[in-house]
Amino acid sequence: MYVPTDSDATEVAFAISKRAATAVGRNRCRRRLRAAFVDLDRLGALPPGAYLVSVGAEVVAVPQAALAERLGEVVAHLAARAS
């Protein structure tokens, strides 16, 4: 979910189900998602706003490159829908 804000800040929250993985797996997934968001921000592809990222078990095993690419597509789609 994405909500545009008047602020220049970007806020990100993650919701990862306990069914997705163990605590270690969920934390690793959270770190990987955070790194992908940082990369998007460095590229200027992350519109300011509030993001809620909810993932399931299928995301835990996805390679980092594929995860970052898909996240970029989703962020671009959400930003286009919001404007």
PDB file of N, CA and C in Angstrom:
ATOM      1  N   MET A   1       0.846  -1.156   0.000  1.00  0.00           N
ATOM      2  CA  MET A   1       0.000   0.000   0.000  1.00  0.00           C
ATOM      3  C   MET A   1       0.907   1.240   0.000  1.00  0.00           C
ATOM      4  N   TYR A   2       0.467   2.273  -0.704  1.00  0.00           N
ATOM      5  CA  TYR A   2       1.224   3.512  -0.799  1.00  0.00           C
ATOM      6  C   TYR A   2       0.279   4.683  -0.584  1.00  0.00           C
ATOM      7  N   VAL A   3       0.699   5.607   0.262  1.00  0.00           N
ATOM      8  CA  VAL A   3      -0.061   6.833   0.504  1.00  0.00           C
ATOM      9  C   VAL A   3       0.886   8.009   0.301  1.00  0.00           C
ATOM     10  N   PRO A   4       0.615   8.843  -0.727  1.00  0.00           N
ATOM     11  CA  PRO A   4       1.471  10.013  -0.917  1.00  0.00           C
ATOM     12  C   PRO A   4       1.276  11.005   0.227  1.00  0.00           C
ATOM     13  N   THR A   5       2.343  11.707   0.566  1.00  0.00           N
ATOM     14  CA  THR A   5       2.275  12.696   1.638  1.00  0.00           C
ATOM     15  C   THR A   5       2.843  14.020   1.140  1.00  0.00           C
ATOM     16  N   ASP A   6       2.570  15.079   1.888  1.00  0.00           N
ATOM     17  CA  ASP A   6       3.105  16.392   1.542  1.00  0.00           C
ATOM     18  C   ASP A   6       4.572  16.520   1.934  1.00  0.00           C
ATOM     19  N   SER A   7       5.021  15.660   2.796  1.00  0.00           N
ATOM     20  CA  SER A   7       6.399  15.686   3.282  1.00  0.00           C
ATOM     21  C   SER A   7       7.342  15.088   2.239  1.00  0.00           C
ATOM     22  N   ASP A   8       8.614  15.452   2.322  1.00  0.00           N
ATOM     23  CA  ASP A   8       9.627  14.870   1.448  1.00  0.00           C
ATOM     24  C   ASP A   8      10.152  13.550   1.999  1.00  0.00           C
ATOM     25  N   ALA A   9       9.681  13.173   3.162  1.00  0.00           N
ATOM     26  CA  ALA A   9      10.151  11.956   3.815  1.00  0.00           C
ATOM     27  C   ALA A   9       9.468  10.719   3.245  1.00  0.00           C
ATOM     28  N   THR A  10      10.163   9.619   3.339  1.00  0.00           N
ATOM     29  CA  THR A  10       9.618   8.325   2.940  1.00  0.00           C
ATOM     30  C   THR A  10       9.585   7.438   4.166  1.00  0.00           C
ATOM     31  N   GLU A  11       8.419   6.883   4.437  1.00  0.00           N
ATOM     32  CA  GLU A  11       8.254   5.977   5.574  1.00  0.00           C
ATOM     33  C   GLU A  11       7.878   4.605   5.045  1.00  0.00           C
ATOM     34  N   VAL A  12       8.519   3.584   5.585  1.00  0.00           N
ATOM     35  CA  VAL A  12       8.274   2.219   5.128  1.00  0.00           C
ATOM     36  C   VAL A  12       8.027   1.332   6.338  1.00  0.00           C
ATOM     37  N   ALA A  13       6.970   0.513   6.253  1.00  0.00           N
ATOM     38  CA  ALA A  13       6.677  -0.473   7.290  1.00  0.00           C
ATOM     39  C   ALA A  13       6.507  -1.829   6.603  1.00  0.00           C
ATOM     40  N   PHE A  14       6.888  -2.875   7.290  1.00  0.00           N
ATOM     41  CA  PHE A  14       6.820  -4.215   6.727  1.00  0.00           C
ATOM     42  C   PHE A  14       5.897  -5.083   7.568  1.00  0.00           C
ATOM     43  N   ALA A  15       5.065  -5.872   6.898  1.00  0.00           N
ATOM     44  CA  ALA A  15       4.199  -6.850   7.552  1.00  0.00           C
ATOM     45  C   ALA A  15       4.529  -8.207   6.946  1.00  0.00           C
ATOM     46  N   ILE A  16       5.195  -9.036   7.731  1.00  0.00           N
ATOM     47  CA  ILE A  16       5.596 -10.351   7.253  1.00  0.00           C
ATOM     48  C   ILE A  16       4.969 -11.381   8.181  1.00  0.00           C
ATOM     49  N   SER A  17       4.116 -12.205   7.622  1.00  0.00           N
ATOM     50  CA  SER A  17       3.370 -13.188   8.396  1.00  0.00           C
ATOM     51  C   SER A  17       4.293 -14.198   9.063  1.00  0.00           C
ATOM     52  N   LYS A  18       3.893 -14.641  10.246  1.00  0.00           N
ATOM     53  CA  LYS A  18       4.662 -15.677  10.928  1.00  0.00           C
ATOM     54  C   LYS A  18       4.640 -16.977  10.137  1.00  0.00           C
ATOM     55  N   ARG A  19       3.638 -17.149   9.303  1.00  0.00           N
ATOM     56  CA  ARG A  19       3.554 -18.342   8.464  1.00  0.00           C
ATOM     57  C   ARG A  19       4.592 -18.309   7.345  1.00  0.00           C
ATOM     58  N   ALA A  20       5.128 -17.137   7.053  1.00  0.00           N
ATOM     59  CA  ALA A  20       6.080 -16.996   5.957  1.00  0.00           C
ATOM     60  C   ALA A  20       7.415 -17.665   6.268  1.00  0.00           C
ATOM     61  N   ALA A  21       7.860 -17.547   7.497  1.00  0.00           N
ATOM     62  CA  ALA A  21       9.170 -18.099   7.855  1.00  0.00           C
ATOM     63  C   ALA A  21       9.362 -17.998   9.370  1.00  0.00           C
ATOM     64  N   THR A  22      10.489 -18.518   9.807  1.00  0.00           N
ATOM     65  CA  THR A  22      10.848 -18.374  11.213  1.00  0.00           C
ATOM     66  C   THR A  22      11.204 -16.912  11.473  1.00  0.00           C
ATOM     67  N   ALA A  23      11.437 -16.556  12.710  1.00  0.00           N
ATOM     68  CA  ALA A  23      11.814 -15.177  13.051  1.00  0.00           C
ATOM     69  C   ALA A  23      13.087 -14.769  12.311  1.00  0.00           C
ATOM     70  N   VAL A  24      14.032 -15.674  12.207  1.00  0.00           N
ATOM     71  CA  VAL A  24      15.277 -15.381  11.500  1.00  0.00           C
ATOM     72  C   VAL A  24      14.987 -15.110  10.024  1.00  0.00           C
ATOM     73  N   GLY A  25      14.143 -15.909   9.410  1.00  0.00           N
ATOM     74  CA  GLY A  25      13.789 -15.725   8.007  1.00  0.00           C
ATOM     75  C   GLY A  25      13.026 -14.433   7.764  1.00  0.00           C
ATOM     76  N   ARG A  26      12.121 -14.095   8.684  1.00  0.00           N
ATOM     77  CA  ARG A  26      11.364 -12.838   8.552  1.00  0.00           C
ATOM     78  C   ARG A  26      12.283 -11.638   8.688  1.00  0.00           C
ATOM     79  N   ASN A  27      13.209 -11.685   9.620  1.00  0.00           N
ATOM     80  CA  ASN A  27      14.150 -10.579   9.794  1.00  0.00           C
ATOM     81  C   ASN A  27      15.062 -10.436   8.583  1.00  0.00           C
ATOM     82  N   ARG A  28      15.500 -11.555   8.035  1.00  0.00           N
ATOM     83  CA  ARG A  28      16.338 -11.513   6.830  1.00  0.00           C
ATOM     84  C   ARG A  28      15.556 -10.908   5.667  1.00  0.00           C
ATOM     85  N   CYS A  29      14.309 -11.301   5.519  1.00  0.00           N
ATOM     86  CA  CYS A  29      13.457 -10.757   4.458  1.00  0.00           C
ATOM     87  C   CYS A  29      13.267  -9.251   4.647  1.00  0.00           C
ATOM     88  N   ARG A  30      13.072  -8.835   5.879  1.00  0.00           N
ATOM     89  CA  ARG A  30      12.905  -7.405   6.187  1.00  0.00           C
ATOM     90  C   ARG A  30      14.163  -6.622   5.813  1.00  0.00           C
ATOM     91  N   ARG A  31      15.333  -7.166   6.131  1.00  0.00           N
ATOM     92  CA  ARG A  31      16.596  -6.503   5.775  1.00  0.00           C
ATOM     93  C   ARG A  31      16.760  -6.414   4.268  1.00  0.00           C
ATOM     94  N   ARG A  32      16.401  -7.478   3.558  1.00  0.00           N
ATOM     95  CA  ARG A  32      16.510  -7.478   2.101  1.00  0.00           C
ATOM     96  C   ARG A  32      15.567  -6.457   1.469  1.00  0.00           C
ATOM     97  N   LEU A  33      14.351  -6.379   1.980  1.00  0.00           N
ATOM     98  CA  LEU A  33      13.390  -5.393   1.478  1.00  0.00           C
ATOM     99  C   LEU A  33      13.878  -3.971   1.757  1.00  0.00           C
ATOM    100  N   ARG A  34      14.392  -3.760   2.954  1.00  0.00           N
ATOM    101  CA  ARG A  34      14.911  -2.437   3.315  1.00  0.00           C
ATOM    102  C   ARG A  34      16.053  -2.033   2.378  1.00  0.00           C
ATOM    103  N   ALA A  35      16.940  -2.969   2.071  1.00  0.00           N
ATOM    104  CA  ALA A  35      18.052  -2.689   1.158  1.00  0.00           C
ATOM    105  C   ALA A  35      17.533  -2.347  -0.241  1.00  0.00           C
ATOM    106  N   ALA A  36      16.492  -3.037  -0.683  1.00  0.00           N
ATOM    107  CA  ALA A  36      15.914  -2.748  -1.995  1.00  0.00           C
ATOM    108  C   ALA A  36      15.291  -1.352  -2.014  1.00  0.00           C
ATOM    109  N   PHE A  37      14.636  -0.955  -0.918  1.00  0.00           N
ATOM    110  CA  PHE A  37      14.072   0.396  -0.834  1.00  0.00           C
ATOM    111  C   PHE A  37      15.174   1.449  -0.852  1.00  0.00           C
ATOM    112  N   VAL A  38      16.284   1.195  -0.173  1.00  0.00           N
ATOM    113  CA  VAL A  38      17.403   2.136  -0.157  1.00  0.00           C
ATOM    114  C   VAL A  38      17.952   2.297  -1.574  1.00  0.00           C
ATOM    115  N   ASP A  39      18.074   1.185  -2.295  1.00  0.00           N
ATOM    116  CA  ASP A  39      18.562   1.257  -3.680  1.00  0.00           C
ATOM    117  C   ASP A  39      17.613   2.063  -4.563  1.00  0.00           C
ATOM    118  N   LEU A  40      16.314   1.852  -4.416  1.00  0.00           N
ATOM    119  CA  LEU A  40      15.332   2.621  -5.187  1.00  0.00           C
ATOM    120  C   LEU A  40      15.436   4.108  -4.866  1.00  0.00           C
ATOM    121  N   ASP A  41      15.632   4.417  -3.597  1.00  0.00           N
ATOM    122  CA  ASP A  41      15.747   5.812  -3.180  1.00  0.00           C
ATOM    123  C   ASP A  41      16.995   6.449  -3.789  1.00  0.00           C
ATOM    124  N   ARG A  42      18.106   5.727  -3.803  1.00  0.00           N
ATOM    125  CA  ARG A  42      19.346   6.249  -4.393  1.00  0.00           C
ATOM    126  C   ARG A  42      19.192   6.516  -5.885  1.00  0.00           C
ATOM    127  N   LEU A  43      18.376   5.702  -6.554  1.00  0.00           N
ATOM    128  CA  LEU A  43      18.139   5.872  -7.986  1.00  0.00           C
ATOM    129  C   LEU A  43      17.112   6.964  -8.278  1.00  0.00           C
ATOM    130  N   GLY A  44      16.480   7.481  -7.239  1.00  0.00           N
ATOM    131  CA  GLY A  44      15.456   8.501  -7.417  1.00  0.00           C
ATOM    132  C   GLY A  44      14.126   7.932  -7.876  1.00  0.00           C
ATOM    133  N   ALA A  45      13.934   6.625  -7.722  1.00  0.00           N
ATOM    134  CA  ALA A  45      12.720   5.960  -8.185  1.00  0.00           C
ATOM    135  C   ALA A  45      11.709   5.739  -7.067  1.00  0.00           C
ATOM    136  N   LEU A  46      11.924   6.379  -5.929  1.00  0.00           N
ATOM    137  CA  LEU A  46      11.046   6.168  -4.785  1.00  0.00           C
ATOM    138  C   LEU A  46      10.334   7.471  -4.442  1.00  0.00           C
ATOM    139  N   PRO A  47       9.078   7.615  -4.855  1.00  0.00           N
ATOM    140  CA  PRO A  47       8.340   8.831  -4.524  1.00  0.00           C
ATOM    141  C   PRO A  47       8.152   8.951  -3.010  1.00  0.00           C
ATOM    142  N   PRO A  48       8.213  10.159  -2.465  1.00  0.00           N
ATOM    143  CA  PRO A  48       8.000  10.319  -1.032  1.00  0.00           C
ATOM    144  C   PRO A  48       6.588   9.905  -0.656  1.00  0.00           C
ATOM    145  N   GLY A  49       6.460   9.369   0.527  1.00  0.00           N
ATOM    146  CA  GLY A  49       5.156   8.941   1.003  1.00  0.00           C
ATOM    147  C   GLY A  49       5.315   7.845   2.035  1.00  0.00           C
ATOM    148  N   ALA A  50       4.205   7.204   2.345  1.00  0.00           N
ATOM    149  CA  ALA A  50       4.187   6.119   3.321  1.00  0.00           C
ATOM    150  C   ALA A  50       3.895   4.810   2.598  1.00  0.00           C
ATOM    151  N   TYR A  51       4.702   3.809   2.852  1.00  0.00           N
ATOM    152  CA  TYR A  51       4.566   2.503   2.221  1.00  0.00           C
ATOM    153  C   TYR A  51       4.319   1.441   3.288  1.00  0.00           C
ATOM    154  N   LEU A  52       3.417   0.509   2.995  1.00  0.00           N
ATOM    155  CA  LEU A  52       3.229  -0.674   3.824  1.00  0.00           C
ATOM    156  C   LEU A  52       3.435  -1.867   2.908  1.00  0.00           C
ATOM    157  N   VAL A  53       4.451  -2.651   3.209  1.00  0.00           N
ATOM    158  CA  VAL A  53       4.805  -3.802   2.386  1.00  0.00           C
ATOM    159  C   VAL A  53       4.418  -5.067   3.147  1.00  0.00           C
ATOM    160  N   SER A  54       3.516  -5.827   2.555  1.00  0.00           N
ATOM    161  CA  SER A  54       3.075  -7.080   3.151  1.00  0.00           C
ATOM    162  C   SER A  54       3.524  -8.215   2.245  1.00  0.00           C
ATOM    163  N   VAL A  55       4.237  -9.177   2.805  1.00  0.00           N
ATOM    164  CA  VAL A  55       4.763 -10.282   1.994  1.00  0.00           C
ATOM    165  C   VAL A  55       4.417 -11.618   2.621  1.00  0.00           C
ATOM    166  N   GLY A  56       4.398 -12.634   1.775  1.00  0.00           N
ATOM    167  CA  GLY A  56       4.127 -13.992   2.219  1.00  0.00           C
ATOM    168  C   GLY A  56       5.355 -14.868   2.068  1.00  0.00           C
ATOM    169  N   ALA A  57       5.155 -16.150   2.225  1.00  0.00           N
ATOM    170  CA  ALA A  57       6.250 -17.116   2.220  1.00  0.00           C
ATOM    171  C   ALA A  57       6.998 -17.151   0.897  1.00  0.00           C
ATOM    172  N   GLU A  58       6.315 -16.876  -0.211  1.00  0.00           N
ATOM    173  CA  GLU A  58       6.967 -16.967  -1.516  1.00  0.00           C
ATOM    174  C   GLU A  58       8.079 -15.940  -1.688  1.00  0.00           C
ATOM    175  N   VAL A  59       8.036 -14.846  -0.962  1.00  0.00           N
ATOM    176  CA  VAL A  59       9.031 -13.779  -1.104  1.00  0.00           C
ATOM    177  C   VAL A  59      10.324 -14.107  -0.355  1.00  0.00           C
ATOM    178  N   VAL A  60      10.230 -14.902   0.668  1.00  0.00           N
ATOM    179  CA  VAL A  60      11.390 -15.192   1.514  1.00  0.00           C
ATOM    180  C   VAL A  60      12.516 -15.842   0.719  1.00  0.00           C
ATOM    181  N   ALA A  61      12.193 -16.677  -0.265  1.00  0.00           N
ATOM    182  CA  ALA A  61      13.211 -17.421  -1.009  1.00  0.00           C
ATOM    183  C   ALA A  61      13.609 -16.773  -2.337  1.00  0.00           C
ATOM    184  N   VAL A  62      13.031 -15.648  -2.684  1.00  0.00           N
ATOM    185  CA  VAL A  62      13.323 -14.993  -3.961  1.00  0.00           C
ATOM    186  C   VAL A  62      14.723 -14.367  -3.907  1.00  0.00           C
ATOM    187  N   PRO A  63      15.521 -14.534  -4.976  1.00  0.00           N
ATOM    188  CA  PRO A  63      16.850 -13.899  -5.011  1.00  0.00           C
ATOM    189  C   PRO A  63      16.743 -12.377  -4.896  1.00  0.00           C
ATOM    190  N   GLN A  64      17.767 -11.750  -4.351  1.00  0.00           N
ATOM    191  CA  GLN A  64      17.753 -10.310  -4.086  1.00  0.00           C
ATOM    192  C   GLN A  64      17.519  -9.490  -5.350  1.00  0.00           C
ATOM    193  N   ALA A  65      18.162  -9.853  -6.451  1.00  0.00           N
ATOM    194  CA  ALA A  65      18.007  -9.091  -7.695  1.00  0.00           C
ATOM    195  C   ALA A  65      16.557  -9.118  -8.171  1.00  0.00           C
ATOM    196  N   ALA A  66      15.931 -10.278  -8.122  1.00  0.00           N
ATOM    197  CA  ALA A  66      14.533 -10.405  -8.540  1.00  0.00           C
ATOM    198  C   ALA A  66      13.609  -9.651  -7.581  1.00  0.00           C
ATOM    199  N   LEU A  67      13.930  -9.709  -6.302  1.00  0.00           N
ATOM    200  CA  LEU A  67      13.139  -8.988  -5.305  1.00  0.00           C
ATOM    201  C   LEU A  67      13.193  -7.486  -5.541  1.00  0.00           C
ATOM    202  N   ALA A  68      14.387  -6.965  -5.774  1.00  0.00           N
ATOM    203  CA  ALA A  68      14.548  -5.529  -6.014  1.00  0.00           C
ATOM    204  C   ALA A  68      13.853  -5.100  -7.297  1.00  0.00           C
ATOM    205  N   GLU A  69      13.950  -5.923  -8.342  1.00  0.00           N
ATOM    206  CA  GLU A  69      13.301  -5.586  -9.614  1.00  0.00           C
ATOM    207  C   GLU A  69      11.782  -5.542  -9.455  1.00  0.00           C
ATOM    208  N   ARG A  70      11.236  -6.559  -8.813  1.00  0.00           N
ATOM    209  CA  ARG A  70       9.780  -6.615  -8.618  1.00  0.00           C
ATOM    210  C   ARG A  70       9.304  -5.477  -7.724  1.00  0.00           C
ATOM    211  N   LEU A  71      10.061  -5.159  -6.694  1.00  0.00           N
ATOM    212  CA  LEU A  71       9.695  -4.061  -5.805  1.00  0.00           C
ATOM    213  C   LEU A  71       9.679  -2.744  -6.572  1.00  0.00           C
ATOM    214  N   GLY A  72      10.636  -2.543  -7.458  1.00  0.00           N
ATOM    215  CA  GLY A  72      10.666  -1.345  -8.291  1.00  0.00           C
ATOM    216  C   GLY A  72       9.434  -1.242  -9.171  1.00  0.00           C
ATOM    217  N   GLU A  73       9.011  -2.370  -9.746  1.00  0.00           N
ATOM    218  CA  GLU A  73       7.806  -2.387 -10.581  1.00  0.00           C
ATOM    219  C   GLU A  73       6.569  -2.042  -9.763  1.00  0.00           C
ATOM    220  N   VAL A  74       6.470  -2.607  -8.581  1.00  0.00           N
ATOM    221  CA  VAL A  74       5.308  -2.365  -7.725  1.00  0.00           C
ATOM    222  C   VAL A  74       5.260  -0.906  -7.283  1.00  0.00           C
ATOM    223  N   VAL A  75       6.393  -0.361  -6.889  1.00  0.00           N
ATOM    224  CA  VAL A  75       6.441   1.046  -6.445  1.00  0.00           C
ATOM    225  C   VAL A  75       6.047   1.963  -7.591  1.00  0.00           C
ATOM    226  N   ALA A  76       6.538   1.703  -8.792  1.00  0.00           N
ATOM    227  CA  ALA A  76       6.189   2.535  -9.952  1.00  0.00           C
ATOM    228  C   ALA A  76       4.694   2.445 -10.241  1.00  0.00           C
ATOM    229  N   HIS A  77       4.123   1.265 -10.149  1.00  0.00           N
ATOM    230  CA  HIS A  77       2.695   1.081 -10.381  1.00  0.00           C
ATOM    231  C   HIS A  77       1.863   1.828  -9.341  1.00  0.00           C
ATOM    232  N   LEU A  78       2.250   1.701  -8.075  1.00  0.00           N
ATOM    233  CA  LEU A  78       1.510   2.386  -6.998  1.00  0.00           C
ATOM    234  C   LEU A  78       1.596   3.898  -7.127  1.00  0.00           C
ATOM    235  N   ALA A  79       2.773   4.398  -7.486  1.00  0.00           N
ATOM    236  CA  ALA A  79       2.945   5.849  -7.643  1.00  0.00           C
ATOM    237  C   ALA A  79       2.116   6.365  -8.801  1.00  0.00           C
ATOM    238  N   ALA A  80       2.046   5.598  -9.892  1.00  0.00           N
ATOM    239  CA  ALA A  80       1.242   6.015 -11.038  1.00  0.00           C
ATOM    240  C   ALA A  80      -0.243   6.022 -10.703  1.00  0.00           C
ATOM    241  N   ARG A  81      -0.680   5.062  -9.934  1.00  0.00           N
ATOM    242  CA  ARG A  81      -2.089   4.992  -9.529  1.00  0.00           C
ATOM    243  C   ARG A  81      -2.459   6.138  -8.599  1.00  0.00           C
ATOM    244  N   ALA A  82      -1.526   6.549  -7.759  1.00  0.00           N
ATOM    245  CA  ALA A  82      -1.811   7.594  -6.763  1.00  0.00           C
ATOM    246  C   ALA A  82      -1.862   8.980  -7.383  1.00  0.00           C
ATOM    247  N   SER A  83      -1.208   9.165  -8.527  1.00  0.00           N
ATOM    248  CA  SER A  83      -1.170  10.511  -9.119  1.00  0.00           C
ATOM    249  C   SER A  83      -2.260  10.733 -10.143  1.00  0.00           C
TER     250      SER A  83
END
